[in-house]
Amino acid sequence: MKFNFLLLNRQSSVPTKKNLVTPNWHLTWGKIDQIKADISWSDRFFLIHQVKPNFSSNERFVVVGDIFLTNLPQLQKLLDISASLTATQIVAELWQSYGKKLFCC
C-alpha cells in the first residue's frame, strides 16, 4: 500500500477557511521490495521515501510529515527548545522525552 497524506490547517482568523498542503513524501508498507528509488528510511515491512526524515536526538524515533505548530513560539519558550529546530524535529524530541504521554490526557 502507498499513501500520501494531506494536512488541513485551520486558519485562526477565518475559522471556516482551510489550506490544503500537498506533501512530497510517501509511506509504504507491506511488500516493499519492489521500491528502490528515493528511500529515506526503511525496515523490513515499512519505508519512507522522497523525503528527509527527522530523528530524535537518540535516533530511536523518526518523524516524517508536514507539521505546522500554531503555538511554536510559546512551545519553544515553555519547554526551552532551540529556535533552530523545525516543527518535525520538535515532535521527534517530544516523542522521545514523553512517549505515549504526549498523545493522551
Protein backbone atom coordinates (compact mmCIF):
# COMPACT_ATOMS: atom_id res chain seq x y z
CA MET A 1 0.00 0.00 0.00
CA LYS A 2 1.15 3.52 -0.72
CA PHE A 3 -0.31 6.60 0.94
CA ASN A 4 0.09 10.32 0.51
CA PHE A 5 -1.02 12.39 3.45
CA LEU A 6 -2.64 15.80 3.38
CA LEU A 7 -2.52 18.29 6.20
CA LEU A 8 -5.54 20.50 6.65
CA ASN A 9 -4.59 23.60 8.55
CA ARG A 10 -7.31 25.69 10.11
CA GLN A 11 -6.74 29.42 9.93
CA SER A 12 -7.32 31.07 13.31
CA SER A 13 -8.53 34.35 11.81
CA VAL A 14 -11.03 32.67 9.47
CA PRO A 15 -12.39 29.54 11.19
CA THR A 16 -14.11 28.13 8.11
CA LYS A 17 -11.22 28.50 5.67
CA LYS A 18 -8.77 25.63 5.21
CA ASN A 19 -5.46 25.47 3.40
CA LEU A 20 -4.52 22.32 1.54
CA VAL A 21 -0.89 21.26 1.71
CA THR A 22 0.22 18.66 -0.82
CA PRO A 23 3.12 16.67 0.61
CA ASN A 24 6.04 15.42 -1.43
CA TRP A 25 6.66 12.29 0.61
CA HIS A 26 5.20 8.80 0.76
CA LEU A 27 4.77 6.00 3.30
CA THR A 28 4.67 2.45 2.03
CA TRP A 29 4.19 -0.77 3.95
CA GLY A 30 3.69 -4.40 3.16
CA LYS A 31 5.54 -5.70 0.11
CA ILE A 32 8.22 -3.02 -0.23
CA ASP A 33 10.97 -4.97 -2.01
CA GLN A 34 9.98 -3.52 -5.41
CA ILE A 35 10.70 0.10 -4.37
CA LYS A 36 14.33 1.06 -4.94
CA ALA A 37 14.43 4.83 -5.60
CA ASP A 38 14.45 7.75 -3.17
CA ILE A 39 14.27 5.63 0.00
CA SER A 40 14.83 7.81 3.06
CA TRP A 41 14.29 5.21 5.79
CA SER A 42 13.05 1.62 5.94
CA ASP A 43 12.83 -1.59 7.89
CA ARG A 44 11.58 -4.98 6.67
CA PHE A 45 7.96 -4.01 6.04
CA PHE A 46 7.78 -0.20 6.12
CA LEU A 47 9.53 2.57 4.25
CA ILE A 48 9.51 6.32 3.86
CA HIS A 49 10.60 7.71 0.54
CA GLN A 50 11.07 11.01 -1.27
CA VAL A 51 11.71 12.95 1.93
CA LYS A 52 14.35 13.68 4.53
CA PRO A 53 13.18 12.13 7.83
CA ASN A 54 13.71 13.84 11.19
CA PHE A 55 15.13 11.76 14.02
CA SER A 56 15.04 12.34 17.75
CA SER A 57 18.45 13.05 19.27
CA ASN A 58 18.95 9.40 20.29
CA GLU A 59 17.72 8.32 16.80
CA ARG A 60 15.11 5.98 18.28
CA PHE A 61 12.18 7.89 16.79
CA VAL A 62 11.72 9.02 13.21
CA VAL A 63 9.08 11.57 12.25
CA VAL A 64 8.03 12.44 8.72
CA GLY A 65 5.27 14.81 7.83
CA ASP A 66 4.06 18.25 7.01
CA ILE A 67 3.81 19.59 10.54
CA PHE A 68 2.73 23.08 11.49
CA LEU A 69 2.65 24.05 15.17
CA THR A 70 0.34 27.01 15.69
CA ASN A 71 1.85 27.71 19.11
CA LEU A 72 5.51 27.24 18.16
CA PRO A 73 6.93 30.34 19.95
CA GLN A 74 5.05 29.52 23.18
CA LEU A 75 6.10 25.86 22.97
CA GLN A 76 9.75 26.78 22.45
CA LYS A 77 9.67 29.09 25.45
CA LEU A 78 7.72 26.71 27.73
CA LEU A 79 9.93 23.71 27.00
CA ASP A 80 13.19 25.63 26.46
CA ILE A 81 13.50 24.29 22.90
CA SER A 82 16.06 25.67 20.47
CA ALA A 83 14.60 28.05 17.90
CA SER A 84 16.70 26.31 15.23
CA LEU A 85 14.67 23.07 15.42
CA THR A 86 11.94 22.51 12.85
CA ALA A 87 8.41 21.59 13.93
CA THR A 88 9.03 17.99 12.86
CA GLN A 89 12.25 17.82 14.90
CA ILE A 90 10.39 19.21 17.92
CA VAL A 91 7.75 16.47 17.63
CA ALA A 92 10.54 13.84 17.45
CA GLU A 93 12.20 15.27 20.58
CA LEU A 94 8.91 15.47 22.48
CA TRP A 95 8.07 11.91 21.47
CA GLN A 96 11.47 10.78 22.76
CA SER A 97 11.02 12.66 26.06
CA TYR A 98 7.37 11.98 26.82
CA GLY A 99 6.42 8.89 24.80
CA LYS A 100 2.73 7.99 24.84
CA LYS A 101 2.02 10.70 27.45
CA LEU A 102 2.49 13.23 24.66
CA PHE A 103 -0.65 11.94 22.90
CA CYS A 104 -3.08 11.41 25.75
CA CYS A 105 -4.51 13.19 28.80
